[in-house]
PDB file of N, CA and C in Angstrom:
ATOM      1  N   UNK A   1     -10.058   6.710  31.964  1.00  0.00           N
ATOM      2  CA  UNK A   1     -10.167   4.923  31.776  1.00  0.00           C
ATOM      3  C   UNK A   1     -11.655   4.991  31.044  1.00  0.00           C
ATOM      4  N   UNK A   2     -12.281   5.990  30.685  1.00  0.00           N
ATOM      5  CA  UNK A   2     -13.251   6.569  29.884  1.00  0.00           C
ATOM      6  C   UNK A   2     -12.376   6.138  28.296  1.00  0.00           C
ATOM      7  N   UNK A   3     -11.752   6.798  28.132  1.00  0.00           N
ATOM      8  CA  UNK A   3     -11.405   6.638  26.511  1.00  0.00           C
ATOM      9  C   UNK A   3     -10.606   5.309  26.942  1.00  0.00           C
ATOM     10  N   UNK A   4     -10.024   4.128  27.408  1.00  0.00           N
ATOM     11  CA  UNK A   4      -9.773   3.010  27.293  1.00  0.00           C
ATOM     12  C   UNK A   4     -11.028   1.895  27.074  1.00  0.00           C
ATOM     13  N   UNK A   5     -11.653   2.245  27.043  1.00  0.00           N
ATOM     14  CA  UNK A   5     -13.226   1.253  27.078  1.00  0.00           C
ATOM     15  C   UNK A   5     -13.393   2.037  25.740  1.00  0.00           C
ATOM     16  N   UNK A   6     -13.826   3.261  25.254  1.00  0.00           N
ATOM     17  CA  UNK A   6     -13.768   4.579  23.556  1.00  0.00           C
ATOM     18  C   UNK A   6     -13.142   3.165  23.084  1.00  0.00           C
ATOM     19  N   UNK A   7     -11.553   3.310  23.292  1.00  0.00           N
ATOM     20  CA  UNK A   7     -11.086   2.218  22.205  1.00  0.00           C
ATOM     21  C   UNK A   7     -11.308   1.340  21.981  1.00  0.00           C
ATOM     22  N   UNK A   8     -11.240   0.707  22.949  1.00  0.00           N
ATOM     23  CA  UNK A   8     -11.410  -0.795  22.852  1.00  0.00           C
ATOM     24  C   UNK A   8     -13.236  -1.389  22.075  1.00  0.00           C
ATOM     25  N   UNK A   9     -13.412  -0.726  22.710  1.00  0.00           N
ATOM     26  CA  UNK A   9     -15.253  -1.162  21.718  1.00  0.00           C
ATOM     27  C   UNK A   9     -15.093  -0.511  20.555  1.00  0.00           C
ATOM     28  N   UNK A  10     -13.885   1.144  19.991  1.00  0.00           N
ATOM     29  CA  UNK A  10     -14.210   1.435  18.509  1.00  0.00           C
ATOM     30  C   UNK A  10     -13.763  -0.199  17.783  1.00  0.00           C
ATOM     31  N   UNK A  11     -12.326  -1.025  17.795  1.00  0.00           N
ATOM     32  CA  UNK A  11     -11.337  -1.587  17.908  1.00  0.00           C
ATOM     33  C   UNK A  11     -12.548  -2.652  17.403  1.00  0.00           C
ATOM     34  N   UNK A  12     -13.265  -3.633  18.664  1.00  0.00           N
ATOM     35  CA  UNK A  12     -14.002  -4.413  18.946  1.00  0.00           C
ATOM     36  C   UNK A  12     -15.021  -4.100  17.405  1.00  0.00           C
ATOM     37  N   UNK A  13     -15.547  -3.708  17.677  1.00  0.00           N
ATOM     38  CA  UNK A  13     -16.617  -3.073  16.581  1.00  0.00           C
ATOM     39  C   UNK A  13     -16.059  -2.958  14.640  1.00  0.00           C
ATOM     40  N   UNK A  14     -14.979  -2.295  15.134  1.00  0.00           N
ATOM     41  CA  UNK A  14     -14.197  -2.777  13.146  1.00  0.00           C
ATOM     42  C   UNK A  14     -13.842  -4.041  12.868  1.00  0.00           C
ATOM     43  N   UNK A  15     -13.509  -5.040  14.010  1.00  0.00           N
ATOM     44  CA  UNK A  15     -12.961  -6.005  13.561  1.00  0.00           C
ATOM     45  C   UNK A  15     -14.295  -6.754  13.162  1.00  0.00           C
ATOM     46  N   UNK A  16     -14.980  -6.613  14.009  1.00  0.00           N
ATOM     47  CA  UNK A  16     -16.721  -7.533  13.835  1.00  0.00           C
ATOM     48  C   UNK A  16     -16.678  -7.109  11.824  1.00  0.00           C
ATOM     49  N   UNK A  17     -17.810  -5.957  12.120  1.00  0.00           N
ATOM     50  CA  UNK A  17     -17.560  -5.680  10.400  1.00  0.00           C
ATOM     51  C   UNK A  17     -16.103  -6.036  10.092  1.00  0.00           C
ATOM     52  N   UNK A  18     -14.909  -6.284   9.806  1.00  0.00           N
ATOM     53  CA  UNK A  18     -14.328  -6.551   9.152  1.00  0.00           C
ATOM     54  C   UNK A  18     -14.599  -7.890   8.686  1.00  0.00           C
ATOM     55  N   UNK A  19     -14.392  -9.233   9.560  1.00  0.00           N
ATOM     56  CA  UNK A  19     -14.605 -10.549   9.665  1.00  0.00           C
ATOM     57  C   UNK A  19     -15.749 -10.346   8.632  1.00  0.00           C
ATOM     58  N   UNK A  20     -16.575  -9.322   9.004  1.00  0.00           N
ATOM     59  CA  UNK A  20     -18.631 -10.188   9.105  1.00  0.00           C
ATOM     60  C   UNK A  20     -17.677 -10.185   6.839  1.00  0.00           C
ATOM     61  N   UNK A  21     -17.610  -9.556   6.076  1.00  0.00           N
ATOM     62  CA  UNK A  21     -17.762  -8.466   5.097  1.00  0.00           C
ATOM     63  C   UNK A  21     -16.602  -9.064   4.487  1.00  0.00           C
ATOM     64  N   UNK A  22     -15.178  -9.527   5.231  1.00  0.00           N
ATOM     65  CA  UNK A  22     -14.693 -10.516   4.309  1.00  0.00           C
ATOM     66  C   UNK A  22     -14.926 -12.673   3.930  1.00  0.00           C
ATOM     67  N   UNK A  23     -15.821 -11.912   5.047  1.00  0.00           N
ATOM     68  CA  UNK A  23     -16.527 -13.928   4.410  1.00  0.00           C
ATOM     69  C   UNK A  23     -17.389 -14.231   3.864  1.00  0.00           C
ATOM     70  N   UNK A  24     -18.213 -12.779   3.316  1.00  0.00           N
ATOM     71  CA  UNK A  24     -18.689 -13.113   2.091  1.00  0.00           C
ATOM     72  C   UNK A  24     -18.075 -13.692   0.622  1.00  0.00           C
ATOM     73  N   UNK A  25     -17.140 -12.783   0.316  1.00  0.00           N
ATOM     74  CA  UNK A  25     -16.232 -12.060  -0.576  1.00  0.00           C
ATOM     75  C   UNK A  25     -14.673 -14.619   0.081  1.00  0.00           C
ATOM     76  N   UNK A  26     -15.535 -14.964  -0.226  1.00  0.00           N
ATOM     77  CA  UNK A  26     -14.072 -16.384   0.206  1.00  0.00           C
ATOM     78  C   UNK A  26     -15.249 -17.517  -0.640  1.00  0.00           C
ATOM     79  N   UNK A  27     -15.837 -17.477  -2.004  1.00  0.00           N
ATOM     80  CA  UNK A  27     -15.802 -18.097  -2.759  1.00  0.00           C
ATOM     81  C   UNK A  27     -14.863 -18.248  -4.160  1.00  0.00           C
ATOM     82  N   UNK A  28     -14.635 -18.819  -3.672  1.00  0.00           N
ATOM     83  CA  UNK A  28     -13.301 -19.260  -5.325  1.00  0.00           C
ATOM     84  C   UNK A  28     -13.228 -20.879  -6.438  1.00  0.00           C
ATOM     85  N   UNK A  29     -12.850 -19.819  -7.262  1.00  0.00           N
ATOM     86  CA  UNK A  29     -13.272 -20.978  -8.597  1.00  0.00           C
ATOM     87  C   UNK A  29     -12.302 -22.085  -9.306  1.00  0.00           C
ATOM     88  N   UNK A  30     -11.755 -23.010  -9.193  1.00  0.00           N
ATOM     89  CA  UNK A  30     -11.118 -23.441  -9.664  1.00  0.00           C
ATOM     90  C   UNK A  30     -10.647 -23.047 -11.522  1.00  0.00           C
ATOM     91  N   UNK A  31      -9.229 -22.700 -11.940  1.00  0.00           N
ATOM     92  CA  UNK A  31      -9.575 -22.064 -12.963  1.00  0.00           C
ATOM     93  C   UNK A  31      -9.148 -20.257 -13.250  1.00  0.00           C
ATOM     94  N   UNK A  32      -9.932 -19.760 -12.383  1.00  0.00           N
ATOM     95  CA  UNK A  32     -10.232 -18.706 -11.185  1.00  0.00           C
ATOM     96  C   UNK A  32      -9.575 -18.367 -11.076  1.00  0.00           C
ATOM     97  N   UNK A  33      -9.308 -18.387  -9.765  1.00  0.00           N
ATOM     98  CA  UNK A  33      -8.816 -18.270  -8.309  1.00  0.00           C
ATOM     99  C   UNK A  33      -7.202 -19.097  -8.694  1.00  0.00           C
ATOM    100  N   UNK A  34      -7.589 -20.108  -8.904  1.00  0.00           N
ATOM    101  CA  UNK A  34      -5.873 -20.843  -8.468  1.00  0.00           C
ATOM    102  C   UNK A  34      -6.642 -21.956  -9.938  1.00  0.00           C
ATOM    103  N   UNK A  35      -5.022 -22.518  -9.658  1.00  0.00           N
ATOM    104  CA  UNK A  35      -5.002 -24.021 -10.848  1.00  0.00           C
ATOM    105  C   UNK A  35      -4.754 -24.670 -10.087  1.00  0.00           C
ATOM    106  N   UNK A  36      -5.838 -25.979 -10.768  1.00  0.00           N
ATOM    107  CA  UNK A  36      -5.754 -27.400  -9.967  1.00  0.00           C
ATOM    108  C   UNK A  36      -4.119 -28.514 -10.611  1.00  0.00           C
ATOM    109  N   UNK A  37      -3.398 -28.077  -9.803  1.00  0.00           N
ATOM    110  CA  UNK A  37      -1.906 -28.997 -10.188  1.00  0.00           C
ATOM    111  C   UNK A  37      -1.934 -30.767 -10.898  1.00  0.00           C
ATOM    112  N   UNK A  38      -2.905 -31.482 -10.248  1.00  0.00           N
ATOM    113  CA  UNK A  38      -2.736 -33.085 -10.951  1.00  0.00           C
ATOM    114  C   UNK A  38      -4.091 -33.369 -10.869  1.00  0.00           C
ATOM    115  N   UNK A  39      -4.649 -34.230 -11.456  1.00  0.00           N
ATOM    116  CA  UNK A  39      -5.447 -35.031 -11.357  1.00  0.00           C
ATOM    117  C   UNK A  39      -5.520 -36.059 -11.179  1.00  0.00           C
ATOM    118  N   UNK A  40      -4.522 -36.837 -11.396  1.00  0.00           N
ATOM    119  CA  UNK A  40      -4.234 -38.504 -10.383  1.00  0.00           C
ATOM    120  C   UNK A  40      -3.018 -38.064  -9.794  1.00  0.00           C
ATOM    121  N   UNK A  41      -3.439 -38.999  -8.605  1.00  0.00           N
ATOM    122  CA  UNK A  41      -2.370 -39.056  -8.071  1.00  0.00           C
ATOM    123  C   UNK A  41      -0.879 -39.648  -8.457  1.00  0.00           C
ATOM    124  N   UNK A  42       0.802 -38.827  -7.792  1.00  0.00           N
ATOM    125  CA  UNK A  42       1.749 -39.985  -8.674  1.00  0.00           C
ATOM    126  C   UNK A  42       2.025 -40.872  -7.067  1.00  0.00           C
ATOM    127  N   UNK A  43       2.577 -42.010  -8.227  1.00  0.00           N
ATOM    128  CA  UNK A  43       3.354 -43.271  -8.124  1.00  0.00           C
ATOM    129  C   UNK A  43       3.927 -43.127  -6.066  1.00  0.00           C
ATOM    130  N   UNK A  44       4.592 -41.490  -6.468  1.00  0.00           N
ATOM    131  CA  UNK A  44       5.543 -40.718  -5.172  1.00  0.00           C
ATOM    132  C   UNK A  44       5.256 -39.998  -5.168  1.00  0.00           C
ATOM    133  N   UNK A  45       6.023 -39.402  -3.678  1.00  0.00           N
ATOM    134  CA  UNK A  45       5.033 -38.691  -3.171  1.00  0.00           C
ATOM    135  C   UNK A  45       6.257 -37.316  -3.584  1.00  0.00           C
ATOM    136  N   UNK A  46       5.320 -36.282  -3.770  1.00  0.00           N
ATOM    137  CA  UNK A  46       6.142 -35.509  -4.897  1.00  0.00           C
ATOM    138  C   UNK A  46       6.117 -33.834  -3.956  1.00  0.00           C
ATOM    139  N   UNK A  47       6.625 -33.463  -3.632  1.00  0.00           N
ATOM    140  CA  UNK A  47       7.003 -31.811  -2.695  1.00  0.00           C
ATOM    141  C   UNK A  47       6.824 -30.628  -3.925  1.00  0.00           C
ATOM    142  N   UNK A  48       5.710 -29.924  -3.654  1.00  0.00           N
ATOM    143  CA  UNK A  48       5.612 -28.761  -4.776  1.00  0.00           C
ATOM    144  C   UNK A  48       5.146 -27.770  -4.086  1.00  0.00           C
ATOM    145  N   UNK A  49       6.258 -26.216  -3.855  1.00  0.00           N
ATOM    146  CA  UNK A  49       6.289 -25.202  -3.061  1.00  0.00           C
ATOM    147  C   UNK A  49       5.618 -24.318  -4.928  1.00  0.00           C
ATOM    148  N   UNK A  50       4.596 -23.044  -4.127  1.00  0.00           N
ATOM    149  CA  UNK A  50       4.145 -21.944  -4.736  1.00  0.00           C
ATOM    150  C   UNK A  50       3.927 -20.892  -3.731  1.00  0.00           C
ATOM    151  N   UNK A  51       4.313 -19.927  -4.532  1.00  0.00           N
ATOM    152  CA  UNK A  51       4.758 -18.489  -3.609  1.00  0.00           C
ATOM    153  C   UNK A  51       3.613 -17.579  -4.663  1.00  0.00           C
ATOM    154  N   UNK A  52       2.495 -17.073  -3.404  1.00  0.00           N
ATOM    155  CA  UNK A  52       1.494 -15.856  -4.220  1.00  0.00           C
ATOM    156  C   UNK A  52       2.339 -15.042  -3.617  1.00  0.00           C
ATOM    157  N   UNK A  53       2.420 -13.929  -4.575  1.00  0.00           N
ATOM    158  CA  UNK A  53       2.702 -12.354  -4.429  1.00  0.00           C
ATOM    159  C   UNK A  53       1.359 -11.504  -5.235  1.00  0.00           C
ATOM    160  N   UNK A  54       0.440 -12.105  -4.897  1.00  0.00           N
ATOM    161  CA  UNK A  54      -1.632 -12.041  -4.890  1.00  0.00           C
ATOM    162  C   UNK A  54      -1.496 -10.573  -4.222  1.00  0.00           C
TER     163      UNK A  54
END
């Protein structure tokens, strides 16, 4: 039972640190991290598909 509590505690602390550090790196810039597809709206709705393997 003690091993289970230690394992769950270790996983919780690891998850806490992993989510803290990734939240600081979520500042995306147009032209650097992504491309703006269109500035103006089209007269008819269009569907654009994009797949990222980055």
